Amino acid sequence: LKPEDTAVYYCAAARGSNPSVVYS
């Protein structure tokens, strides 16, 4: 870890229809 990693971290879920896609 680096000081620039300091942040509030959130997890999220996507319903997206394509099972092979990564959403960014």
PDBML (XML) file of the C-alpha atoms, coordinates in Angstrom:
<?xml version="1.0" encoding="UTF-8" ?>
<PDBx:datablock datablockName="MODEL"
   xmlns:PDBx="http://pdbml.pdb.org/schema/pdbx-v50.xsd"
   xmlns:xsi="http://www.w3.org/2001/XMLSchema-instance"
   xsi:schemaLocation="http://pdbml.pdb.org/schema/pdbx-v50.xsd pdbx-v50.xsd">
   <PDBx:atom_siteCategory>
      <PDBx:atom_site id="1">
         <PDBx:B_iso_or_equiv>0.00</PDBx:B_iso_or_equiv>
         <PDBx:Cartn_x>0.000</PDBx:Cartn_x>
         <PDBx:Cartn_y>0.000</PDBx:Cartn_y>
         <PDBx:Cartn_z>0.000</PDBx:Cartn_z>
         <PDBx:auth_asym_id>A</PDBx:auth_asym_id>
         <PDBx:auth_atom_id>CA</PDBx:auth_atom_id>
         <PDBx:auth_comp_id>LEU</PDBx:auth_comp_id>
         <PDBx:auth_seq_id>1</PDBx:auth_seq_id>
         <PDBx:group_PDB>ATOM</PDBx:group_PDB>
         <PDBx:label_alt_id xsi:nil="true" />
         <PDBx:label_asym_id>A</PDBx:label_asym_id>
         <PDBx:label_atom_id>CA</PDBx:label_atom_id>
         <PDBx:label_comp_id>LEU</PDBx:label_comp_id>
         <PDBx:label_entity_id>1</PDBx:label_entity_id>
         <PDBx:label_seq_id>1</PDBx:label_seq_id>
         <PDBx:occupancy>1.00</PDBx:occupancy>
         <PDBx:pdbx_PDB_model_num>1</PDBx:pdbx_PDB_model_num>
         <PDBx:type_symbol>C</PDBx:type_symbol>
      </PDBx:atom_site>
      <PDBx:atom_site id="2">
         <PDBx:B_iso_or_equiv>0.00</PDBx:B_iso_or_equiv>
         <PDBx:Cartn_x>0.987</PDBx:Cartn_x>
         <PDBx:Cartn_y>3.556</PDBx:Cartn_y>
         <PDBx:Cartn_z>-0.787</PDBx:Cartn_z>
         <PDBx:auth_asym_id>A</PDBx:auth_asym_id>
         <PDBx:auth_atom_id>CA</PDBx:auth_atom_id>
         <PDBx:auth_comp_id>LYS</PDBx:auth_comp_id>
         <PDBx:auth_seq_id>2</PDBx:auth_seq_id>
         <PDBx:group_PDB>ATOM</PDBx:group_PDB>
         <PDBx:label_alt_id xsi:nil="true" />
         <PDBx:label_asym_id>A</PDBx:label_asym_id>
         <PDBx:label_atom_id>CA</PDBx:label_atom_id>
         <PDBx:label_comp_id>LYS</PDBx:label_comp_id>
         <PDBx:label_entity_id>1</PDBx:label_entity_id>
         <PDBx:label_seq_id>2</PDBx:label_seq_id>
         <PDBx:occupancy>1.00</PDBx:occupancy>
         <PDBx:pdbx_PDB_model_num>1</PDBx:pdbx_PDB_model_num>
         <PDBx:type_symbol>C</PDBx:type_symbol>
      </PDBx:atom_site>
      <PDBx:atom_site id="3">
         <PDBx:B_iso_or_equiv>0.00</PDBx:B_iso_or_equiv>
         <PDBx:Cartn_x>-0.172</PDBx:Cartn_x>
         <PDBx:Cartn_y>6.873</PDBx:Cartn_y>
         <PDBx:Cartn_z>0.710</PDBx:Cartn_z>
         <PDBx:auth_asym_id>A</PDBx:auth_asym_id>
         <PDBx:auth_atom_id>CA</PDBx:auth_atom_id>
         <PDBx:auth_comp_id>PRO</PDBx:auth_comp_id>
         <PDBx:auth_seq_id>3</PDBx:auth_seq_id>
         <PDBx:group_PDB>ATOM</PDBx:group_PDB>
         <PDBx:label_alt_id xsi:nil="true" />
         <PDBx:label_asym_id>A</PDBx:label_asym_id>
         <PDBx:label_atom_id>CA</PDBx:label_atom_id>
         <PDBx:label_comp_id>PRO</PDBx:label_comp_id>
         <PDBx:label_entity_id>1</PDBx:label_entity_id>
         <PDBx:label_seq_id>3</PDBx:label_seq_id>
         <PDBx:occupancy>1.00</PDBx:occupancy>
         <PDBx:pdbx_PDB_model_num>1</PDBx:pdbx_PDB_model_num>
         <PDBx:type_symbol>C</PDBx:type_symbol>
      </PDBx:atom_site>
      <PDBx:atom_site id="4">
         <PDBx:B_iso_or_equiv>0.00</PDBx:B_iso_or_equiv>
         <PDBx:Cartn_x>-1.948</PDBx:Cartn_x>
         <PDBx:Cartn_y>7.612</PDBx:Cartn_y>
         <PDBx:Cartn_z>-2.557</PDBx:Cartn_z>
         <PDBx:auth_asym_id>A</PDBx:auth_asym_id>
         <PDBx:auth_atom_id>CA</PDBx:auth_atom_id>
         <PDBx:auth_comp_id>GLU</PDBx:auth_comp_id>
         <PDBx:auth_seq_id>4</PDBx:auth_seq_id>
         <PDBx:group_PDB>ATOM</PDBx:group_PDB>
         <PDBx:label_alt_id xsi:nil="true" />
         <PDBx:label_asym_id>A</PDBx:label_asym_id>
         <PDBx:label_atom_id>CA</PDBx:label_atom_id>
         <PDBx:label_comp_id>GLU</PDBx:label_comp_id>
         <PDBx:label_entity_id>1</PDBx:label_entity_id>
         <PDBx:label_seq_id>4</PDBx:label_seq_id>
         <PDBx:occupancy>1.00</PDBx:occupancy>
         <PDBx:pdbx_PDB_model_num>1</PDBx:pdbx_PDB_model_num>
         <PDBx:type_symbol>C</PDBx:type_symbol>
      </PDBx:atom_site>
      <PDBx:atom_site id="5">
         <PDBx:B_iso_or_equiv>0.00</PDBx:B_iso_or_equiv>
         <PDBx:Cartn_x>-4.173</PDBx:Cartn_x>
         <PDBx:Cartn_y>4.586</PDBx:Cartn_y>
         <PDBx:Cartn_z>-1.932</PDBx:Cartn_z>
         <PDBx:auth_asym_id>A</PDBx:auth_asym_id>
         <PDBx:auth_atom_id>CA</PDBx:auth_atom_id>
         <PDBx:auth_comp_id>ASP</PDBx:auth_comp_id>
         <PDBx:auth_seq_id>5</PDBx:auth_seq_id>
         <PDBx:group_PDB>ATOM</PDBx:group_PDB>
         <PDBx:label_alt_id xsi:nil="true" />
         <PDBx:label_asym_id>A</PDBx:label_asym_id>
         <PDBx:label_atom_id>CA</PDBx:label_atom_id>
         <PDBx:label_comp_id>ASP</PDBx:label_comp_id>
         <PDBx:label_entity_id>1</PDBx:label_entity_id>
         <PDBx:label_seq_id>5</PDBx:label_seq_id>
         <PDBx:occupancy>1.00</PDBx:occupancy>
         <PDBx:pdbx_PDB_model_num>1</PDBx:pdbx_PDB_model_num>
         <PDBx:type_symbol>C</PDBx:type_symbol>
      </PDBx:atom_site>
      <PDBx:atom_site id="6">
         <PDBx:B_iso_or_equiv>0.00</PDBx:B_iso_or_equiv>
         <PDBx:Cartn_x>-5.816</PDBx:Cartn_x>
         <PDBx:Cartn_y>6.523</PDBx:Cartn_y>
         <PDBx:Cartn_z>0.901</PDBx:Cartn_z>
         <PDBx:auth_asym_id>A</PDBx:auth_asym_id>
         <PDBx:auth_atom_id>CA</PDBx:auth_atom_id>
         <PDBx:auth_comp_id>THR</PDBx:auth_comp_id>
         <PDBx:auth_seq_id>6</PDBx:auth_seq_id>
         <PDBx:group_PDB>ATOM</PDBx:group_PDB>
         <PDBx:label_alt_id xsi:nil="true" />
         <PDBx:label_asym_id>A</PDBx:label_asym_id>
         <PDBx:label_atom_id>CA</PDBx:label_atom_id>
         <PDBx:label_comp_id>THR</PDBx:label_comp_id>
         <PDBx:label_entity_id>1</PDBx:label_entity_id>
         <PDBx:label_seq_id>6</PDBx:label_seq_id>
         <PDBx:occupancy>1.00</PDBx:occupancy>
         <PDBx:pdbx_PDB_model_num>1</PDBx:pdbx_PDB_model_num>
         <PDBx:type_symbol>C</PDBx:type_symbol>
      </PDBx:atom_site>
      <PDBx:atom_site id="7">
         <PDBx:B_iso_or_equiv>0.00</PDBx:B_iso_or_equiv>
         <PDBx:Cartn_x>-9.520</PDBx:Cartn_x>
         <PDBx:Cartn_y>6.809</PDBx:Cartn_y>
         <PDBx:Cartn_z>0.099</PDBx:Cartn_z>
         <PDBx:auth_asym_id>A</PDBx:auth_asym_id>
         <PDBx:auth_atom_id>CA</PDBx:auth_atom_id>
         <PDBx:auth_comp_id>ALA</PDBx:auth_comp_id>
         <PDBx:auth_seq_id>7</PDBx:auth_seq_id>
         <PDBx:group_PDB>ATOM</PDBx:group_PDB>
         <PDBx:label_alt_id xsi:nil="true" />
         <PDBx:label_asym_id>A</PDBx:label_asym_id>
         <PDBx:label_atom_id>CA</PDBx:label_atom_id>
         <PDBx:label_comp_id>ALA</PDBx:label_comp_id>
         <PDBx:label_entity_id>1</PDBx:label_entity_id>
         <PDBx:label_seq_id>7</PDBx:label_seq_id>
         <PDBx:occupancy>1.00</PDBx:occupancy>
         <PDBx:pdbx_PDB_model_num>1</PDBx:pdbx_PDB_model_num>
         <PDBx:type_symbol>C</PDBx:type_symbol>
      </PDBx:atom_site>
      <PDBx:atom_site id="8">
         <PDBx:B_iso_or_equiv>0.00</PDBx:B_iso_or_equiv>
         <PDBx:Cartn_x>-12.977</PDBx:Cartn_x>
         <PDBx:Cartn_y>5.614</PDBx:Cartn_y>
         <PDBx:Cartn_z>0.933</PDBx:Cartn_z>
         <PDBx:auth_asym_id>A</PDBx:auth_asym_id>
         <PDBx:auth_atom_id>CA</PDBx:auth_atom_id>
         <PDBx:auth_comp_id>VAL</PDBx:auth_comp_id>
         <PDBx:auth_seq_id>8</PDBx:auth_seq_id>
         <PDBx:group_PDB>ATOM</PDBx:group_PDB>
         <PDBx:label_alt_id xsi:nil="true" />
         <PDBx:label_asym_id>A</PDBx:label_asym_id>
         <PDBx:label_atom_id>CA</PDBx:label_atom_id>
         <PDBx:label_comp_id>VAL</PDBx:label_comp_id>
         <PDBx:label_entity_id>1</PDBx:label_entity_id>
         <PDBx:label_seq_id>8</PDBx:label_seq_id>
         <PDBx:occupancy>1.00</PDBx:occupancy>
         <PDBx:pdbx_PDB_model_num>1</PDBx:pdbx_PDB_model_num>
         <PDBx:type_symbol>C</PDBx:type_symbol>
      </PDBx:atom_site>
      <PDBx:atom_site id="9">
         <PDBx:B_iso_or_equiv>0.00</PDBx:B_iso_or_equiv>
         <PDBx:Cartn_x>-13.422</PDBx:Cartn_x>
         <PDBx:Cartn_y>2.249</PDBx:Cartn_y>
         <PDBx:Cartn_z>-0.754</PDBx:Cartn_z>
         <PDBx:auth_asym_id>A</PDBx:auth_asym_id>
         <PDBx:auth_atom_id>CA</PDBx:auth_atom_id>
         <PDBx:auth_comp_id>TYR</PDBx:auth_comp_id>
         <PDBx:auth_seq_id>9</PDBx:auth_seq_id>
         <PDBx:group_PDB>ATOM</PDBx:group_PDB>
         <PDBx:label_alt_id xsi:nil="true" />
         <PDBx:label_asym_id>A</PDBx:label_asym_id>
         <PDBx:label_atom_id>CA</PDBx:label_atom_id>
         <PDBx:label_comp_id>TYR</PDBx:label_comp_id>
         <PDBx:label_entity_id>1</PDBx:label_entity_id>
         <PDBx:label_seq_id>9</PDBx:label_seq_id>
         <PDBx:occupancy>1.00</PDBx:occupancy>
         <PDBx:pdbx_PDB_model_num>1</PDBx:pdbx_PDB_model_num>
         <PDBx:type_symbol>C</PDBx:type_symbol>
      </PDBx:atom_site>
      <PDBx:atom_site id="10">
         <PDBx:B_iso_or_equiv>0.00</PDBx:B_iso_or_equiv>
         <PDBx:Cartn_x>-16.759</PDBx:Cartn_x>
         <PDBx:Cartn_y>1.048</PDBx:Cartn_y>
         <PDBx:Cartn_z>-2.100</PDBx:Cartn_z>
         <PDBx:auth_asym_id>A</PDBx:auth_asym_id>
         <PDBx:auth_atom_id>CA</PDBx:auth_atom_id>
         <PDBx:auth_comp_id>TYR</PDBx:auth_comp_id>
         <PDBx:auth_seq_id>10</PDBx:auth_seq_id>
         <PDBx:group_PDB>ATOM</PDBx:group_PDB>
         <PDBx:label_alt_id xsi:nil="true" />
         <PDBx:label_asym_id>A</PDBx:label_asym_id>
         <PDBx:label_atom_id>CA</PDBx:label_atom_id>
         <PDBx:label_comp_id>TYR</PDBx:label_comp_id>
         <PDBx:label_entity_id>1</PDBx:label_entity_id>
         <PDBx:label_seq_id>10</PDBx:label_seq_id>
         <PDBx:occupancy>1.00</PDBx:occupancy>
         <PDBx:pdbx_PDB_model_num>1</PDBx:pdbx_PDB_model_num>
         <PDBx:type_symbol>C</PDBx:type_symbol>
      </PDBx:atom_site>
      <PDBx:atom_site id="11">
         <PDBx:B_iso_or_equiv>0.00</PDBx:B_iso_or_equiv>
         <PDBx:Cartn_x>-17.899</PDBx:Cartn_x>
         <PDBx:Cartn_y>-2.298</PDBx:Cartn_y>
         <PDBx:Cartn_z>-3.404</PDBx:Cartn_z>
         <PDBx:auth_asym_id>A</PDBx:auth_asym_id>
         <PDBx:auth_atom_id>CA</PDBx:auth_atom_id>
         <PDBx:auth_comp_id>CYS</PDBx:auth_comp_id>
         <PDBx:auth_seq_id>11</PDBx:auth_seq_id>
         <PDBx:group_PDB>ATOM</PDBx:group_PDB>
         <PDBx:label_alt_id xsi:nil="true" />
         <PDBx:label_asym_id>A</PDBx:label_asym_id>
         <PDBx:label_atom_id>CA</PDBx:label_atom_id>
         <PDBx:label_comp_id>CYS</PDBx:label_comp_id>
         <PDBx:label_entity_id>1</PDBx:label_entity_id>
         <PDBx:label_seq_id>11</PDBx:label_seq_id>
         <PDBx:occupancy>1.00</PDBx:occupancy>
         <PDBx:pdbx_PDB_model_num>1</PDBx:pdbx_PDB_model_num>
         <PDBx:type_symbol>C</PDBx:type_symbol>
      </PDBx:atom_site>
      <PDBx:atom_site id="12">
         <PDBx:B_iso_or_equiv>0.00</PDBx:B_iso_or_equiv>
         <PDBx:Cartn_x>-20.603</PDBx:Cartn_x>
         <PDBx:Cartn_y>-2.408</PDBx:Cartn_y>
         <PDBx:Cartn_z>-6.029</PDBx:Cartn_z>
         <PDBx:auth_asym_id>A</PDBx:auth_asym_id>
         <PDBx:auth_atom_id>CA</PDBx:auth_atom_id>
         <PDBx:auth_comp_id>ALA</PDBx:auth_comp_id>
         <PDBx:auth_seq_id>12</PDBx:auth_seq_id>
         <PDBx:group_PDB>ATOM</PDBx:group_PDB>
         <PDBx:label_alt_id xsi:nil="true" />
         <PDBx:label_asym_id>A</PDBx:label_asym_id>
         <PDBx:label_atom_id>CA</PDBx:label_atom_id>
         <PDBx:label_comp_id>ALA</PDBx:label_comp_id>
         <PDBx:label_entity_id>1</PDBx:label_entity_id>
         <PDBx:label_seq_id>12</PDBx:label_seq_id>
         <PDBx:occupancy>1.00</PDBx:occupancy>
         <PDBx:pdbx_PDB_model_num>1</PDBx:pdbx_PDB_model_num>
         <PDBx:type_symbol>C</PDBx:type_symbol>
      </PDBx:atom_site>
      <PDBx:atom_site id="13">
         <PDBx:B_iso_or_equiv>0.00</PDBx:B_iso_or_equiv>
         <PDBx:Cartn_x>-22.738</PDBx:Cartn_x>
         <PDBx:Cartn_y>-4.919</PDBx:Cartn_y>
         <PDBx:Cartn_z>-7.902</PDBx:Cartn_z>
         <PDBx:auth_asym_id>A</PDBx:auth_asym_id>
         <PDBx:auth_atom_id>CA</PDBx:auth_atom_id>
         <PDBx:auth_comp_id>ALA</PDBx:auth_comp_id>
         <PDBx:auth_seq_id>13</PDBx:auth_seq_id>
         <PDBx:group_PDB>ATOM</PDBx:group_PDB>
         <PDBx:label_alt_id xsi:nil="true" />
         <PDBx:label_asym_id>A</PDBx:label_asym_id>
         <PDBx:label_atom_id>CA</PDBx:label_atom_id>
         <PDBx:label_comp_id>ALA</PDBx:label_comp_id>
         <PDBx:label_entity_id>1</PDBx:label_entity_id>
         <PDBx:label_seq_id>13</PDBx:label_seq_id>
         <PDBx:occupancy>1.00</PDBx:occupancy>
         <PDBx:pdbx_PDB_model_num>1</PDBx:pdbx_PDB_model_num>
         <PDBx:type_symbol>C</PDBx:type_symbol>
      </PDBx:atom_site>
      <PDBx:atom_site id="14">
         <PDBx:B_iso_or_equiv>0.00</PDBx:B_iso_or_equiv>
         <PDBx:Cartn_x>-23.913</PDBx:Cartn_x>
         <PDBx:Cartn_y>-4.744</PDBx:Cartn_y>
         <PDBx:Cartn_z>-11.486</PDBx:Cartn_z>
         <PDBx:auth_asym_id>A</PDBx:auth_asym_id>
         <PDBx:auth_atom_id>CA</PDBx:auth_atom_id>
         <PDBx:auth_comp_id>ALA</PDBx:auth_comp_id>
         <PDBx:auth_seq_id>14</PDBx:auth_seq_id>
         <PDBx:group_PDB>ATOM</PDBx:group_PDB>
         <PDBx:label_alt_id xsi:nil="true" />
         <PDBx:label_asym_id>A</PDBx:label_asym_id>
         <PDBx:label_atom_id>CA</PDBx:label_atom_id>
         <PDBx:label_comp_id>ALA</PDBx:label_comp_id>
         <PDBx:label_entity_id>1</PDBx:label_entity_id>
         <PDBx:label_seq_id>14</PDBx:label_seq_id>
         <PDBx:occupancy>1.00</PDBx:occupancy>
         <PDBx:pdbx_PDB_model_num>1</PDBx:pdbx_PDB_model_num>
         <PDBx:type_symbol>C</PDBx:type_symbol>
      </PDBx:atom_site>
      <PDBx:atom_site id="15">
         <PDBx:B_iso_or_equiv>0.00</PDBx:B_iso_or_equiv>
         <PDBx:Cartn_x>-26.887</PDBx:Cartn_x>
         <PDBx:Cartn_y>-6.630</PDBx:Cartn_y>
         <PDBx:Cartn_z>-12.895</PDBx:Cartn_z>
         <PDBx:auth_asym_id>A</PDBx:auth_asym_id>
         <PDBx:auth_atom_id>CA</PDBx:auth_atom_id>
         <PDBx:auth_comp_id>ARG</PDBx:auth_comp_id>
         <PDBx:auth_seq_id>15</PDBx:auth_seq_id>
         <PDBx:group_PDB>ATOM</PDBx:group_PDB>
         <PDBx:label_alt_id xsi:nil="true" />
         <PDBx:label_asym_id>A</PDBx:label_asym_id>
         <PDBx:label_atom_id>CA</PDBx:label_atom_id>
         <PDBx:label_comp_id>ARG</PDBx:label_comp_id>
         <PDBx:label_entity_id>1</PDBx:label_entity_id>
         <PDBx:label_seq_id>15</PDBx:label_seq_id>
         <PDBx:occupancy>1.00</PDBx:occupancy>
         <PDBx:pdbx_PDB_model_num>1</PDBx:pdbx_PDB_model_num>
         <PDBx:type_symbol>C</PDBx:type_symbol>
      </PDBx:atom_site>
      <PDBx:atom_site id="16">
         <PDBx:B_iso_or_equiv>0.00</PDBx:B_iso_or_equiv>
         <PDBx:Cartn_x>-25.413</PDBx:Cartn_x>
         <PDBx:Cartn_y>-6.453</PDBx:Cartn_y>
         <PDBx:Cartn_z>-16.440</PDBx:Cartn_z>
         <PDBx:auth_asym_id>A</PDBx:auth_asym_id>
         <PDBx:auth_atom_id>CA</PDBx:auth_atom_id>
         <PDBx:auth_comp_id>GLY</PDBx:auth_comp_id>
         <PDBx:auth_seq_id>16</PDBx:auth_seq_id>
         <PDBx:group_PDB>ATOM</PDBx:group_PDB>
         <PDBx:label_alt_id xsi:nil="true" />
         <PDBx:label_asym_id>A</PDBx:label_asym_id>
         <PDBx:label_atom_id>CA</PDBx:label_atom_id>
         <PDBx:label_comp_id>GLY</PDBx:label_comp_id>
         <PDBx:label_entity_id>1</PDBx:label_entity_id>
         <PDBx:label_seq_id>16</PDBx:label_seq_id>
         <PDBx:occupancy>1.00</PDBx:occupancy>
         <PDBx:pdbx_PDB_model_num>1</PDBx:pdbx_PDB_model_num>
         <PDBx:type_symbol>C</PDBx:type_symbol>
      </PDBx:atom_site>
      <PDBx:atom_site id="17">
         <PDBx:B_iso_or_equiv>0.00</PDBx:B_iso_or_equiv>
         <PDBx:Cartn_x>-26.619</PDBx:Cartn_x>
         <PDBx:Cartn_y>-9.058</PDBx:Cartn_y>
         <PDBx:Cartn_z>-18.869</PDBx:Cartn_z>
         <PDBx:auth_asym_id>A</PDBx:auth_asym_id>
         <PDBx:auth_atom_id>CA</PDBx:auth_atom_id>
         <PDBx:auth_comp_id>SER</PDBx:auth_comp_id>
         <PDBx:auth_seq_id>17</PDBx:auth_seq_id>
         <PDBx:group_PDB>ATOM</PDBx:group_PDB>
         <PDBx:label_alt_id xsi:nil="true" />
         <PDBx:label_asym_id>A</PDBx:label_asym_id>
         <PDBx:label_atom_id>CA</PDBx:label_atom_id>
         <PDBx:label_comp_id>SER</PDBx:label_comp_id>
         <PDBx:label_entity_id>1</PDBx:label_entity_id>
         <PDBx:label_seq_id>17</PDBx:label_seq_id>
         <PDBx:occupancy>1.00</PDBx:occupancy>
         <PDBx:pdbx_PDB_model_num>1</PDBx:pdbx_PDB_model_num>
         <PDBx:type_symbol>C</PDBx:type_symbol>
      </PDBx:atom_site>
      <PDBx:atom_site id="18">
         <PDBx:B_iso_or_equiv>0.00</PDBx:B_iso_or_equiv>
         <PDBx:Cartn_x>-23.291</PDBx:Cartn_x>
         <PDBx:Cartn_y>-10.185</PDBx:Cartn_y>
         <PDBx:Cartn_z>-20.350</PDBx:Cartn_z>
         <PDBx:auth_asym_id>A</PDBx:auth_asym_id>
         <PDBx:auth_atom_id>CA</PDBx:auth_atom_id>
         <PDBx:auth_comp_id>ASN</PDBx:auth_comp_id>
         <PDBx:auth_seq_id>18</PDBx:auth_seq_id>
         <PDBx:group_PDB>ATOM</PDBx:group_PDB>
         <PDBx:label_alt_id xsi:nil="true" />
         <PDBx:label_asym_id>A</PDBx:label_asym_id>
         <PDBx:label_atom_id>CA</PDBx:label_atom_id>
         <PDBx:label_comp_id>ASN</PDBx:label_comp_id>
         <PDBx:label_entity_id>1</PDBx:label_entity_id>
         <PDBx:label_seq_id>18</PDBx:label_seq_id>
         <PDBx:occupancy>1.00</PDBx:occupancy>
         <PDBx:pdbx_PDB_model_num>1</PDBx:pdbx_PDB_model_num>
         <PDBx:type_symbol>C</PDBx:type_symbol>
      </PDBx:atom_site>
      <PDBx:atom_site id="19">
         <PDBx:B_iso_or_equiv>0.00</PDBx:B_iso_or_equiv>
         <PDBx:Cartn_x>-21.671</PDBx:Cartn_x>
         <PDBx:Cartn_y>-12.790</PDBx:Cartn_y>
         <PDBx:Cartn_z>-18.060</PDBx:Cartn_z>
         <PDBx:auth_asym_id>A</PDBx:auth_asym_id>
         <PDBx:auth_atom_id>CA</PDBx:auth_atom_id>
         <PDBx:auth_comp_id>PRO</PDBx:auth_comp_id>
         <PDBx:auth_seq_id>19</PDBx:auth_seq_id>
         <PDBx:group_PDB>ATOM</PDBx:group_PDB>
         <PDBx:label_alt_id xsi:nil="true" />
         <PDBx:label_asym_id>A</PDBx:label_asym_id>
         <PDBx:label_atom_id>CA</PDBx:label_atom_id>
         <PDBx:label_comp_id>PRO</PDBx:label_comp_id>
         <PDBx:label_entity_id>1</PDBx:label_entity_id>
         <PDBx:label_seq_id>19</PDBx:label_seq_id>
         <PDBx:occupancy>1.00</PDBx:occupancy>
         <PDBx:pdbx_PDB_model_num>1</PDBx:pdbx_PDB_model_num>
         <PDBx:type_symbol>C</PDBx:type_symbol>
      </PDBx:atom_site>
      <PDBx:atom_site id="20">
         <PDBx:B_iso_or_equiv>0.00</PDBx:B_iso_or_equiv>
         <PDBx:Cartn_x>-18.169</PDBx:Cartn_x>
         <PDBx:Cartn_y>-12.358</PDBx:Cartn_y>
         <PDBx:Cartn_z>-19.492</PDBx:Cartn_z>
         <PDBx:auth_asym_id>A</PDBx:auth_asym_id>
         <PDBx:auth_atom_id>CA</PDBx:auth_atom_id>
         <PDBx:auth_comp_id>SER</PDBx:auth_comp_id>
         <PDBx:auth_seq_id>20</PDBx:auth_seq_id>
         <PDBx:group_PDB>ATOM</PDBx:group_PDB>
         <PDBx:label_alt_id xsi:nil="true" />
         <PDBx:label_asym_id>A</PDBx:label_asym_id>
         <PDBx:label_atom_id>CA</PDBx:label_atom_id>
         <PDBx:label_comp_id>SER</PDBx:label_comp_id>
         <PDBx:label_entity_id>1</PDBx:label_entity_id>
         <PDBx:label_seq_id>20</PDBx:label_seq_id>
         <PDBx:occupancy>1.00</PDBx:occupancy>
         <PDBx:pdbx_PDB_model_num>1</PDBx:pdbx_PDB_model_num>
         <PDBx:type_symbol>C</PDBx:type_symbol>
      </PDBx:atom_site>
      <PDBx:atom_site id="21">
         <PDBx:B_iso_or_equiv>0.00</PDBx:B_iso_or_equiv>
         <PDBx:Cartn_x>-17.954</PDBx:Cartn_x>
         <PDBx:Cartn_y>-8.583</PDBx:Cartn_y>
         <PDBx:Cartn_z>-19.239</PDBx:Cartn_z>
         <PDBx:auth_asym_id>A</PDBx:auth_asym_id>
         <PDBx:auth_atom_id>CA</PDBx:auth_atom_id>
         <PDBx:auth_comp_id>VAL</PDBx:auth_comp_id>
         <PDBx:auth_seq_id>21</PDBx:auth_seq_id>
         <PDBx:group_PDB>ATOM</PDBx:group_PDB>
         <PDBx:label_alt_id xsi:nil="true" />
         <PDBx:label_asym_id>A</PDBx:label_asym_id>
         <PDBx:label_atom_id>CA</PDBx:label_atom_id>
         <PDBx:label_comp_id>VAL</PDBx:label_comp_id>
         <PDBx:label_entity_id>1</PDBx:label_entity_id>
         <PDBx:label_seq_id>21</PDBx:label_seq_id>
         <PDBx:occupancy>1.00</PDBx:occupancy>
         <PDBx:pdbx_PDB_model_num>1</PDBx:pdbx_PDB_model_num>
         <PDBx:type_symbol>C</PDBx:type_symbol>
      </PDBx:atom_site>
      <PDBx:atom_site id="22">
         <PDBx:B_iso_or_equiv>0.00</PDBx:B_iso_or_equiv>
         <PDBx:Cartn_x>-16.058</PDBx:Cartn_x>
         <PDBx:Cartn_y>-6.659</PDBx:Cartn_y>
         <PDBx:Cartn_z>-16.591</PDBx:Cartn_z>
         <PDBx:auth_asym_id>A</PDBx:auth_asym_id>
         <PDBx:auth_atom_id>CA</PDBx:auth_atom_id>
         <PDBx:auth_comp_id>VAL</PDBx:auth_comp_id>
         <PDBx:auth_seq_id>22</PDBx:auth_seq_id>
         <PDBx:group_PDB>ATOM</PDBx:group_PDB>
         <PDBx:label_alt_id xsi:nil="true" />
         <PDBx:label_asym_id>A</PDBx:label_asym_id>
         <PDBx:label_atom_id>CA</PDBx:label_atom_id>
         <PDBx:label_comp_id>VAL</PDBx:label_comp_id>
         <PDBx:label_entity_id>1</PDBx:label_entity_id>
         <PDBx:label_seq_id>22</PDBx:label_seq_id>
         <PDBx:occupancy>1.00</PDBx:occupancy>
         <PDBx:pdbx_PDB_model_num>1</PDBx:pdbx_PDB_model_num>
         <PDBx:type_symbol>C</PDBx:type_symbol>
      </PDBx:atom_site>
      <PDBx:atom_site id="23">
         <PDBx:B_iso_or_equiv>0.00</PDBx:B_iso_or_equiv>
         <PDBx:Cartn_x>-17.558</PDBx:Cartn_x>
         <PDBx:Cartn_y>-3.272</PDBx:Cartn_y>
         <PDBx:Cartn_z>-15.823</PDBx:Cartn_z>
         <PDBx:auth_asym_id>A</PDBx:auth_asym_id>
         <PDBx:auth_atom_id>CA</PDBx:auth_atom_id>
         <PDBx:auth_comp_id>TYR</PDBx:auth_comp_id>
         <PDBx:auth_seq_id>23</PDBx:auth_seq_id>
         <PDBx:group_PDB>ATOM</PDBx:group_PDB>
         <PDBx:label_alt_id xsi:nil="true" />
         <PDBx:label_asym_id>A</PDBx:label_asym_id>
         <PDBx:label_atom_id>CA</PDBx:label_atom_id>
         <PDBx:label_comp_id>TYR</PDBx:label_comp_id>
         <PDBx:label_entity_id>1</PDBx:label_entity_id>
         <PDBx:label_seq_id>23</PDBx:label_seq_id>
         <PDBx:occupancy>1.00</PDBx:occupancy>
         <PDBx:pdbx_PDB_model_num>1</PDBx:pdbx_PDB_model_num>
         <PDBx:type_symbol>C</PDBx:type_symbol>
      </PDBx:atom_site>
      <PDBx:atom_site id="24">
         <PDBx:B_iso_or_equiv>0.00</PDBx:B_iso_or_equiv>
         <PDBx:Cartn_x>-15.261</PDBx:Cartn_x>
         <PDBx:Cartn_y>-0.402</PDBx:Cartn_y>
         <PDBx:Cartn_z>-14.933</PDBx:Cartn_z>
         <PDBx:auth_asym_id>A</PDBx:auth_asym_id>
         <PDBx:auth_atom_id>CA</PDBx:auth_atom_id>
         <PDBx:auth_comp_id>SER</PDBx:auth_comp_id>
         <PDBx:auth_seq_id>24</PDBx:auth_seq_id>
         <PDBx:group_PDB>ATOM</PDBx:group_PDB>
         <PDBx:label_alt_id xsi:nil="true" />
         <PDBx:label_asym_id>A</PDBx:label_asym_id>
         <PDBx:label_atom_id>CA</PDBx:label_atom_id>
         <PDBx:label_comp_id>SER</PDBx:label_comp_id>
         <PDBx:label_entity_id>1</PDBx:label_entity_id>
         <PDBx:label_seq_id>24</PDBx:label_seq_id>
         <PDBx:occupancy>1.00</PDBx:occupancy>
         <PDBx:pdbx_PDB_model_num>1</PDBx:pdbx_PDB_model_num>
         <PDBx:type_symbol>C</PDBx:type_symbol>
      </PDBx:atom_site>
   </PDBx:atom_siteCategory>
</PDBx:datablock>
